[in-house]
Amino acid sequence: MSLSEKFVTLDELAAATGRTLDWWRRNHRRMATEEGMPEKSALGWLWPRKALERWIDGDAIPSRAATAGEAVAEGHTIAANQNRRLRERYAGRAGA
């Protein structure tokens, strides 16, 4: 499998969605934050094809930003949740 088959390019994304290249350049962060769209690759204007397909199908895992927003909205903080999970995981092991 070639790299071009693993990634969706900006051109392909724009053509598939009917949005312009400029629209995606301006709105990709908002789509990731608010809509759960996968983040673009650090390699450039590329998205992991499988993750993008899962997002389109509605099977995507919520983005970290969405999860953090939900935690804050519910009155929880991420650090408090992490601390609680660590205490639960390692309870009674301190003396071992």
PDB file of N, CA and C in Angstrom:
ATOM      1  N   MET A   1       0.847  -1.174   0.000  1.00  0.00           N
ATOM      2  CA  MET A   1       0.000   0.000   0.000  1.00  0.00           C
ATOM      3  C   MET A   1       0.895   1.241   0.000  1.00  0.00           C
ATOM      4  N   SER A   2       0.651   2.134  -0.913  1.00  0.00           N
ATOM      5  CA  SER A   2       1.465   3.352  -0.996  1.00  0.00           C
ATOM      6  C   SER A   2       0.961   4.388   0.000  1.00  0.00           C
ATOM      7  N   LEU A   3       1.806   5.359   0.269  1.00  0.00           N
ATOM      8  CA  LEU A   3       1.421   6.426   1.193  1.00  0.00           C
ATOM      9  C   LEU A   3       0.211   7.200   0.684  1.00  0.00           C
ATOM     10  N   SER A   4       0.101   7.350  -0.630  1.00  0.00           N
ATOM     11  CA  SER A   4      -1.040   8.086  -1.173  1.00  0.00           C
ATOM     12  C   SER A   4      -2.357   7.379  -0.878  1.00  0.00           C
ATOM     13  N   GLU A   5      -2.305   6.073  -0.653  1.00  0.00           N
ATOM     14  CA  GLU A   5      -3.515   5.339  -0.306  1.00  0.00           C
ATOM     15  C   GLU A   5      -3.830   5.439   1.188  1.00  0.00           C
ATOM     16  N   LYS A   6      -2.846   5.813   1.992  1.00  0.00           N
ATOM     17  CA  LYS A   6      -3.045   5.922   3.433  1.00  0.00           C
ATOM     18  C   LYS A   6      -3.534   7.303   3.848  1.00  0.00           C
ATOM     19  N   PHE A   7      -3.359   8.285   2.983  1.00  0.00           N
ATOM     20  CA  PHE A   7      -3.717   9.657   3.327  1.00  0.00           C
ATOM     21  C   PHE A   7      -4.694  10.249   2.325  1.00  0.00           C
ATOM     22  N   VAL A   8      -5.521  11.172   2.821  1.00  0.00           N
ATOM     23  CA  VAL A   8      -6.407  11.965   1.980  1.00  0.00           C
ATOM     24  C   VAL A   8      -5.749  13.333   1.836  1.00  0.00           C
ATOM     25  N   THR A   9      -5.590  13.789   0.614  1.00  0.00           N
ATOM     26  CA  THR A   9      -4.976  15.097   0.383  1.00  0.00           C
ATOM     27  C   THR A   9      -6.025  16.195   0.528  1.00  0.00           C
ATOM     28  N   LEU A  10      -5.556  17.406   0.663  1.00  0.00           N
ATOM     29  CA  LEU A  10      -6.451  18.555   0.741  1.00  0.00           C
ATOM     30  C   LEU A  10      -7.297  18.663  -0.525  1.00  0.00           C
ATOM     31  N   ASP A  11      -6.682  18.432  -1.681  1.00  0.00           N
ATOM     32  CA  ASP A  11      -7.424  18.482  -2.942  1.00  0.00           C
ATOM     33  C   ASP A  11      -8.547  17.446  -2.970  1.00  0.00           C
ATOM     34  N   GLU A  12      -8.231  16.231  -2.528  1.00  0.00           N
ATOM     35  CA  GLU A  12      -9.232  15.161  -2.521  1.00  0.00           C
ATOM     36  C   GLU A  12     -10.362  15.469  -1.542  1.00  0.00           C
ATOM     37  N   LEU A  13     -10.015  15.990  -0.376  1.00  0.00           N
ATOM     38  CA  LEU A  13     -11.014  16.341   0.628  1.00  0.00           C
ATOM     39  C   LEU A  13     -11.940  17.440   0.113  1.00  0.00           C
ATOM     40  N   ALA A  14     -11.356  18.450  -0.508  1.00  0.00           N
ATOM     41  CA  ALA A  14     -12.161  19.549  -1.044  1.00  0.00           C
ATOM     42  C   ALA A  14     -13.104  19.052  -2.137  1.00  0.00           C
ATOM     43  N   ALA A  15     -12.602  18.231  -3.025  1.00  0.00           N
ATOM     44  CA  ALA A  15     -13.435  17.713  -4.115  1.00  0.00           C
ATOM     45  C   ALA A  15     -14.558  16.826  -3.579  1.00  0.00           C
ATOM     46  N   ALA A  16     -14.262  16.004  -2.597  1.00  0.00           N
ATOM     47  CA  ALA A  16     -15.255  15.076  -2.051  1.00  0.00           C
ATOM     48  C   ALA A  16     -16.349  15.785  -1.267  1.00  0.00           C
ATOM     49  N   THR A  17     -16.012  16.904  -0.639  1.00  0.00           N
ATOM     50  CA  THR A  17     -16.979  17.603   0.212  1.00  0.00           C
ATOM     51  C   THR A  17     -17.643  18.786  -0.463  1.00  0.00           C
ATOM     52  N   GLY A  18     -17.129  19.181  -1.611  1.00  0.00           N
ATOM     53  CA  GLY A  18     -17.694  20.349  -2.291  1.00  0.00           C
ATOM     54  C   GLY A  18     -17.284  21.671  -1.660  1.00  0.00           C
ATOM     55  N   ARG A  19     -16.287  21.640  -0.806  1.00  0.00           N
ATOM     56  CA  ARG A  19     -15.740  22.860  -0.176  1.00  0.00           C
ATOM     57  C   ARG A  19     -14.458  23.244  -0.885  1.00  0.00           C
ATOM     58  N   THR A  20     -14.099  24.501  -0.791  1.00  0.00           N
ATOM     59  CA  THR A  20     -12.885  24.974  -1.456  1.00  0.00           C
ATOM     60  C   THR A  20     -11.653  24.649  -0.608  1.00  0.00           C
ATOM     61  N   LEU A  21     -10.502  24.711  -1.260  1.00  0.00           N
ATOM     62  CA  LEU A  21      -9.238  24.513  -0.542  1.00  0.00           C
ATOM     63  C   LEU A  21      -9.098  25.556   0.557  1.00  0.00           C
ATOM     64  N   ASP A  22      -9.442  26.799   0.227  1.00  0.00           N
ATOM     65  CA  ASP A  22      -9.337  27.866   1.219  1.00  0.00           C
ATOM     66  C   ASP A  22     -10.260  27.623   2.409  1.00  0.00           C
ATOM     67  N   TRP A  23     -11.467  27.111   2.162  1.00  0.00           N
ATOM     68  CA  TRP A  23     -12.393  26.841   3.264  1.00  0.00           C
ATOM     69  C   TRP A  23     -11.775  25.835   4.220  1.00  0.00           C
ATOM     70  N   TRP A  24     -11.200  24.752   3.684  1.00  0.00           N
ATOM     71  CA  TRP A  24     -10.590  23.737   4.539  1.00  0.00           C
ATOM     72  C   TRP A  24      -9.381  24.280   5.271  1.00  0.00           C
ATOM     73  N   ARG A  25      -8.596  25.141   4.627  1.00  0.00           N
ATOM     74  CA  ARG A  25      -7.429  25.733   5.309  1.00  0.00           C
ATOM     75  C   ARG A  25      -7.869  26.592   6.493  1.00  0.00           C
ATOM     76  N   ARG A  26      -8.988  27.306   6.317  1.00  0.00           N
ATOM     77  CA  ARG A  26      -9.487  28.181   7.384  1.00  0.00           C
ATOM     78  C   ARG A  26     -10.225  27.407   8.480  1.00  0.00           C
ATOM     79  N   ASN A  27     -10.862  26.306   8.145  1.00  0.00           N
ATOM     80  CA  ASN A  27     -11.793  25.670   9.069  1.00  0.00           C
ATOM     81  C   ASN A  27     -11.391  24.287   9.586  1.00  0.00           C
ATOM     82  N   HIS A  28     -10.240  23.755   9.177  1.00  0.00           N
ATOM     83  CA  HIS A  28      -9.903  22.393   9.595  1.00  0.00           C
ATOM     84  C   HIS A  28      -9.767  22.272  11.114  1.00  0.00           C
ATOM     85  N   ARG A  29      -9.227  23.268  11.786  1.00  0.00           N
ATOM     86  CA  ARG A  29      -9.087  23.209  13.245  1.00  0.00           C
ATOM     87  C   ARG A  29     -10.451  23.220  13.922  1.00  0.00           C
ATOM     88  N   ARG A  30     -11.352  24.068  13.448  1.00  0.00           N
ATOM     89  CA  ARG A  30     -12.697  24.128  14.020  1.00  0.00           C
ATOM     90  C   ARG A  30     -13.417  22.805  13.817  1.00  0.00           C
ATOM     91  N   MET A  31     -13.259  22.203  12.648  1.00  0.00           N
ATOM     92  CA  MET A  31     -13.906  20.918  12.377  1.00  0.00           C
ATOM     93  C   MET A  31     -13.367  19.831  13.309  1.00  0.00           C
ATOM     94  N   ALA A  32     -12.080  19.875  13.593  1.00  0.00           N
ATOM     95  CA  ALA A  32     -11.487  18.889  14.503  1.00  0.00           C
ATOM     96  C   ALA A  32     -11.970  19.116  15.931  1.00  0.00           C
ATOM     97  N   THR A  33     -12.031  20.362  16.343  1.00  0.00           N
ATOM     98  CA  THR A  33     -12.421  20.688  17.708  1.00  0.00           C
ATOM     99  C   THR A  33     -13.908  20.490  17.952  1.00  0.00           C
ATOM    100  N   GLU A  34     -14.730  21.018  17.056  1.00  0.00           N
ATOM    101  CA  GLU A  34     -16.174  21.016  17.278  1.00  0.00           C
ATOM    102  C   GLU A  34     -16.890  19.800  16.700  1.00  0.00           C
ATOM    103  N   GLU A  35     -16.377  19.259  15.619  1.00  0.00           N
ATOM    104  CA  GLU A  35     -17.093  18.193  14.922  1.00  0.00           C
ATOM    105  C   GLU A  35     -16.440  16.818  15.074  1.00  0.00           C
ATOM    106  N   GLY A  36     -15.269  16.758  15.715  1.00  0.00           N
ATOM    107  CA  GLY A  36     -14.608  15.479  15.925  1.00  0.00           C
ATOM    108  C   GLY A  36     -13.862  14.941  14.717  1.00  0.00           C
ATOM    109  N   MET A  37     -13.655  15.793  13.729  1.00  0.00           N
ATOM    110  CA  MET A  37     -12.905  15.371  12.536  1.00  0.00           C
ATOM    111  C   MET A  37     -11.470  15.043  12.943  1.00  0.00           C
ATOM    112  N   PRO A  38     -10.867  14.036  12.338  1.00  0.00           N
ATOM    113  CA  PRO A  38      -9.472  13.726  12.673  1.00  0.00           C
ATOM    114  C   PRO A  38      -8.553  14.926  12.392  1.00  0.00           C
ATOM    115  N   GLU A  39      -7.528  15.037  13.191  1.00  0.00           N
ATOM    116  CA  GLU A  39      -6.533  16.094  12.984  1.00  0.00           C
ATOM    117  C   GLU A  39      -5.754  15.811  11.714  1.00  0.00           C
ATOM    118  N   LYS A  40      -5.299  16.870  11.062  1.00  0.00           N
ATOM    119  CA  LYS A  40      -4.468  16.677   9.879  1.00  0.00           C
ATOM    120  C   LYS A  40      -3.101  16.183  10.321  1.00  0.00           C
ATOM    121  N   SER A  41      -2.409  15.559   9.411  1.00  0.00           N
ATOM    122  CA  SER A  41      -1.099  14.996   9.702  1.00  0.00           C
ATOM    123  C   SER A  41      -0.064  16.103   9.894  1.00  0.00           C
ATOM    124  N   ALA A  42       0.935  15.814  10.686  1.00  0.00           N
ATOM    125  CA  ALA A  42       2.051  16.746  10.851  1.00  0.00           C
ATOM    126  C   ALA A  42       2.887  16.835   9.576  1.00  0.00           C
ATOM    127  N   LEU A  43       2.654  15.917   8.647  1.00  0.00           N
ATOM    128  CA  LEU A  43       3.400  15.911   7.385  1.00  0.00           C
ATOM    129  C   LEU A  43       2.930  16.980   6.409  1.00  0.00           C
ATOM    130  N   GLY A  44       1.798  17.577   6.668  1.00  0.00           N
ATOM    131  CA  GLY A  44       1.266  18.603   5.775  1.00  0.00           C
ATOM    132  C   GLY A  44      -0.246  18.512   5.701  1.00  0.00           C
ATOM    133  N   TRP A  45      -0.802  18.927   4.592  1.00  0.00           N
ATOM    134  CA  TRP A  45      -2.248  18.945   4.399  1.00  0.00           C
ATOM    135  C   TRP A  45      -2.734  17.553   3.993  1.00  0.00           C
ATOM    136  N   LEU A  46      -2.585  16.632   4.926  1.00  0.00           N
ATOM    137  CA  LEU A  46      -2.975  15.240   4.727  1.00  0.00           C
ATOM    138  C   LEU A  46      -3.735  14.760   5.952  1.00  0.00           C
ATOM    139  N   TRP A  47      -4.729  13.908   5.719  1.00  0.00           N
ATOM    140  CA  TRP A  47      -5.487  13.307   6.800  1.00  0.00           C
ATOM    141  C   TRP A  47      -5.385  11.798   6.685  1.00  0.00           C
ATOM    142  N   PRO A  48      -5.275  11.085   7.800  1.00  0.00           N
ATOM    143  CA  PRO A  48      -5.243   9.627   7.744  1.00  0.00           C
ATOM    144  C   PRO A  48      -6.566   9.108   7.153  1.00  0.00           C
ATOM    145  N   ARG A  49      -6.463   8.376   6.072  1.00  0.00           N
ATOM    146  CA  ARG A  49      -7.649   7.940   5.331  1.00  0.00           C
ATOM    147  C   ARG A  49      -8.619   7.130   6.190  1.00  0.00           C
ATOM    148  N   LYS A  50      -8.119   6.152   6.937  1.00  0.00           N
ATOM    149  CA  LYS A  50      -9.008   5.309   7.733  1.00  0.00           C
ATOM    150  C   LYS A  50      -9.729   6.111   8.807  1.00  0.00           C
ATOM    151  N   ALA A  51      -9.010   7.014   9.483  1.00  0.00           N
ATOM    152  CA  ALA A  51      -9.641   7.836  10.517  1.00  0.00           C
ATOM    153  C   ALA A  51     -10.696   8.758   9.916  1.00  0.00           C
ATOM    154  N   LEU A  52     -10.410   9.310   8.753  1.00  0.00           N
ATOM    155  CA  LEU A  52     -11.369  10.191   8.087  1.00  0.00           C
ATOM    156  C   LEU A  52     -12.601   9.404   7.637  1.00  0.00           C
ATOM    157  N   GLU A  53     -12.395   8.187   7.161  1.00  0.00           N
ATOM    158  CA  GLU A  53     -13.535   7.344   6.767  1.00  0.00           C
ATOM    159  C   GLU A  53     -14.402   7.001   7.976  1.00  0.00           C
ATOM    160  N   ARG A  54     -13.760   6.689   9.121  1.00  0.00           N
ATOM    161  CA  ARG A  54     -14.532   6.399  10.343  1.00  0.00           C
ATOM    162  C   ARG A  54     -15.335   7.616  10.772  1.00  0.00           C
ATOM    163  N   TRP A  55     -14.737   8.795  10.663  1.00  0.00           N
ATOM    164  CA  TRP A  55     -15.428  10.035  11.030  1.00  0.00           C
ATOM    165  C   TRP A  55     -16.631  10.252  10.121  1.00  0.00           C
ATOM    166  N   ILE A  56     -16.459  10.069   8.836  1.00  0.00           N
ATOM    167  CA  ILE A  56     -17.557  10.250   7.880  1.00  0.00           C
ATOM    168  C   ILE A  56     -18.675   9.254   8.163  1.00  0.00           C
ATOM    169  N   ASP A  57     -18.307   8.027   8.523  1.00  0.00           N
ATOM    170  CA  ASP A  57     -19.307   6.986   8.817  1.00  0.00           C
ATOM    171  C   ASP A  57     -19.951   7.162  10.187  1.00  0.00           C
ATOM    172  N   GLY A  58     -19.410   8.074  10.993  1.00  0.00           N
ATOM    173  CA  GLY A  58     -19.963   8.309  12.319  1.00  0.00           C
ATOM    174  C   GLY A  58     -19.445   7.367  13.382  1.00  0.00           C
ATOM    175  N   ASP A  59     -18.361   6.642  13.091  1.00  0.00           N
ATOM    176  CA  ASP A  59     -17.804   5.677  14.035  1.00  0.00           C
ATOM    177  C   ASP A  59     -16.534   6.185  14.714  1.00  0.00           C
ATOM    178  N   ALA A  60     -16.251   7.465  14.589  1.00  0.00           N
ATOM    179  CA  ALA A  60     -14.981   7.991  15.092  1.00  0.00           C
ATOM    180  C   ALA A  60     -14.987   8.119  16.605  1.00  0.00           C
ATOM    181  N   ILE A  61     -13.803   8.014  17.177  1.00  0.00           N
ATOM    182  CA  ILE A  61     -13.610   8.271  18.598  1.00  0.00           C
ATOM    183  C   ILE A  61     -13.604   9.786  18.767  1.00  0.00           C
ATOM    184  N   PRO A  62     -14.291  10.323  19.784  1.00  0.00           N
ATOM    185  CA  PRO A  62     -14.306  11.771  19.966  1.00  0.00           C
ATOM    186  C   PRO A  62     -12.894  12.336  20.108  1.00  0.00           C
ATOM    187  N   SER A  63     -12.697  13.519  19.576  1.00  0.00           N
ATOM    188  CA  SER A  63     -11.373  14.146  19.660  1.00  0.00           C
ATOM    189  C   SER A  63     -11.047  14.491  21.104  1.00  0.00           C
ATOM    190  N   ARG A  64      -9.775  14.660  21.370  1.00  0.00           N
ATOM    191  CA  ARG A  64      -9.358  15.024  22.721  1.00  0.00           C
ATOM    192  C   ARG A  64      -9.974  16.343  23.132  1.00  0.00           C
ATOM    193  N   ALA A  65     -10.090  17.286  22.202  1.00  0.00           N
ATOM    194  CA  ALA A  65     -10.658  18.592  22.526  1.00  0.00           C
ATOM    195  C   ALA A  65     -12.119  18.456  22.939  1.00  0.00           C
ATOM    196  N   ALA A  66     -12.880  17.628  22.222  1.00  0.00           N
ATOM    197  CA  ALA A  66     -14.283  17.427  22.560  1.00  0.00           C
ATOM    198  C   ALA A  66     -14.403  16.761  23.923  1.00  0.00           C
ATOM    199  N   THR A  67     -13.565  15.775  24.194  1.00  0.00           N
ATOM    200  CA  THR A  67     -13.595  15.078  25.469  1.00  0.00           C
ATOM    201  C   THR A  67     -13.256  16.030  26.609  1.00  0.00           C
ATOM    202  N   ALA A  68     -12.263  16.882  26.397  1.00  0.00           N
ATOM    203  CA  ALA A  68     -11.878  17.850  27.423  1.00  0.00           C
ATOM    204  C   ALA A  68     -13.009  18.838  27.666  1.00  0.00           C
ATOM    205  N   GLY A  69     -13.659  19.285  26.604  1.00  0.00           N
ATOM    206  CA  GLY A  69     -14.777  20.214  26.737  1.00  0.00           C
ATOM    207  C   GLY A  69     -15.926  19.608  27.510  1.00  0.00           C
ATOM    208  N   GLU A  70     -16.222  18.335  27.267  1.00  0.00           N
ATOM    209  CA  GLU A  70     -17.294  17.658  27.988  1.00  0.00           C
ATOM    210  C   GLU A  70     -16.948  17.524  29.462  1.00  0.00           C
ATOM    211  N   ALA A  71     -15.693  17.217  29.763  1.00  0.00           N
ATOM    212  CA  ALA A  71     -15.275  17.059  31.159  1.00  0.00           C
ATOM    213  C   ALA A  71     -15.411  18.373  31.918  1.00  0.00           C
ATOM    214  N   VAL A  72     -15.009  19.464  31.298  1.00  0.00           N
ATOM    215  CA  VAL A  72     -15.107  20.770  31.939  1.00  0.00           C
ATOM    216  C   VAL A  72     -16.571  21.147  32.108  1.00  0.00           C
ATOM    217  N   ALA A  73     -17.394  20.868  31.090  1.00  0.00           N
ATOM    218  CA  ALA A  73     -18.814  21.195  31.165  1.00  0.00           C
ATOM    219  C   ALA A  73     -19.504  20.422  32.289  1.00  0.00           C
ATOM    220  N   GLU A  74     -19.041  19.226  32.583  1.00  0.00           N
ATOM    221  CA  GLU A  74     -19.625  18.419  33.641  1.00  0.00           C
ATOM    222  C   GLU A  74     -19.036  18.753  35.009  1.00  0.00           C
ATOM    223  N   GLY A  75     -18.159  19.731  35.076  1.00  0.00           N
ATOM    224  CA  GLY A  75     -17.579  20.132  36.344  1.00  0.00           C
ATOM    225  C   GLY A  75     -16.366  19.322  36.750  1.00  0.00           C
ATOM    226  N   HIS A  76     -15.806  18.557  35.850  1.00  0.00           N
ATOM    227  CA  HIS A  76     -14.628  17.749  36.141  1.00  0.00           C
ATOM    228  C   HIS A  76     -13.431  18.364  35.422  1.00  0.00           C
ATOM    229  N   THR A  77     -12.273  18.090  35.937  1.00  0.00           N
ATOM    230  CA  THR A  77     -11.074  18.488  35.219  1.00  0.00           C
ATOM    231  C   THR A  77     -10.351  17.233  34.771  1.00  0.00           C
ATOM    232  N   ILE A  78      -9.622  17.359  33.731  1.00  0.00           N
ATOM    233  CA  ILE A  78      -8.877  16.216  33.204  1.00  0.00           C
ATOM    234  C   ILE A  78      -7.868  15.723  34.224  1.00  0.00           C
ATOM    235  N   ALA A  79      -7.169  16.657  34.880  1.00  0.00           N
ATOM    236  CA  ALA A  79      -6.164  16.266  35.873  1.00  0.00           C
ATOM    237  C   ALA A  79      -6.805  15.512  37.030  1.00  0.00           C
ATOM    238  N   ALA A  80      -7.966  15.960  37.486  1.00  0.00           N
ATOM    239  CA  ALA A  80      -8.638  15.275  38.585  1.00  0.00           C
ATOM    240  C   ALA A  80      -9.033  13.861  38.172  1.00  0.00           C
ATOM    241  N   ASN A  81      -9.514  13.705  36.952  1.00  0.00           N
ATOM    242  CA  ASN A  81      -9.887  12.374  36.470  1.00  0.00           C
ATOM    243  C   ASN A  81      -8.668  11.473  36.337  1.00  0.00           C
ATOM    244  N   GLN A  82      -7.568  12.017  35.853  1.00  0.00           N
ATOM    245  CA  GLN A  82      -6.347  11.221  35.734  1.00  0.00           C
ATOM    246  C   GLN A  82      -5.844  10.800  37.104  1.00  0.00           C
ATOM    247  N   ASN A  83      -5.869  11.714  38.053  1.00  0.00           N
ATOM    248  CA  ASN A  83      -5.428  11.386  39.416  1.00  0.00           C
ATOM    249  C   ASN A  83      -6.307  10.300  40.026  1.00  0.00           C
ATOM    250  N   ARG A  84      -7.612  10.398  39.837  1.00  0.00           N
ATOM    251  CA  ARG A  84      -8.533   9.400  40.368  1.00  0.00           C
ATOM    252  C   ARG A  84      -8.242   8.032  39.759  1.00  0.00           C
ATOM    253  N   ARG A  85      -8.055   7.983  38.439  1.00  0.00           N
ATOM    254  CA  ARG A  85      -7.765   6.703  37.785  1.00  0.00           C
ATOM    255  C   ARG A  85      -6.441   6.111  38.260  1.00  0.00           C
ATOM    256  N   LEU A  86      -5.430   6.952  38.476  1.00  0.00           N
ATOM    257  CA  LEU A  86      -4.142   6.458  38.976  1.00  0.00           C
ATOM    258  C   LEU A  86      -4.276   5.905  40.396  1.00  0.00           C
ATOM    259  N   ARG A  87      -5.033   6.618  41.251  1.00  0.00           N
ATOM    260  CA  ARG A  87      -5.250   6.113  42.619  1.00  0.00           C
ATOM    261  C   ARG A  87      -5.951   4.763  42.584  1.00  0.00           C
ATOM    262  N   GLU A  88      -6.978   4.643  41.738  1.00  0.00           N
ATOM    263  CA  GLU A  88      -7.706   3.374  41.626  1.00  0.00           C
ATOM    264  C   GLU A  88      -6.791   2.267  41.112  1.00  0.00           C
ATOM    265  N   ARG A  89      -5.957   2.599  40.152  1.00  0.00           N
ATOM    266  CA  ARG A  89      -5.101   1.593  39.536  1.00  0.00           C
ATOM    267  C   ARG A  89      -4.010   1.093  40.475  1.00  0.00           C
ATOM    268  N   TYR A  90      -3.417   2.014  41.236  1.00  0.00           N
ATOM    269  CA  TYR A  90      -2.273   1.649  42.061  1.00  0.00           C
ATOM    270  C   TYR A  90      -2.579   1.598  43.557  1.00  0.00           C
ATOM    271  N   ALA A  91      -3.832   1.557  43.930  1.00  0.00           N
ATOM    272  CA  ALA A  91      -4.202   1.503  45.347  1.00  0.00           C
ATOM    273  C   ALA A  91      -3.595   0.261  46.000  1.00  0.00           C
ATOM    274  N   GLY A  92      -2.928   0.459  47.132  1.00  0.00           N
ATOM    275  CA  GLY A  92      -2.360  -0.669  47.858  1.00  0.00           C
ATOM    276  C   GLY A  92      -1.032  -1.151  47.345  1.00  0.00           C
ATOM    277  N   ARG A  93      -0.482  -0.538  46.312  1.00  0.00           N
ATOM    278  CA  ARG A  93       0.790  -0.999  45.749  1.00  0.00           C
ATOM    279  C   ARG A  93       1.977  -0.153  46.210  1.00  0.00           C
ATOM    280  N   ALA A  94       1.730   0.904  46.971  1.00  0.00           N
ATOM    281  CA  ALA A  94       2.805   1.814  47.346  1.00  0.00           C
ATOM    282  C   ALA A  94       3.899   1.102  48.155  1.00  0.00           C
ATOM    283  N   GLY A  95       3.516   0.193  49.052  1.00  0.00           N
ATOM    284  CA  GLY A  95       4.508  -0.499  49.862  1.00  0.00           C
ATOM    285  C   GLY A  95       5.084  -1.739  49.200  1.00  0.00           C
ATOM    286  N   ALA A  96       4.583  -2.097  48.053  1.00  0.00           N
ATOM    287  CA  ALA A  96       5.026  -3.330  47.414  1.00  0.00           C
ATOM    288  C   ALA A  96       6.338  -3.181  46.705  1.00  0.00           C
TER     289      ALA A  96
END
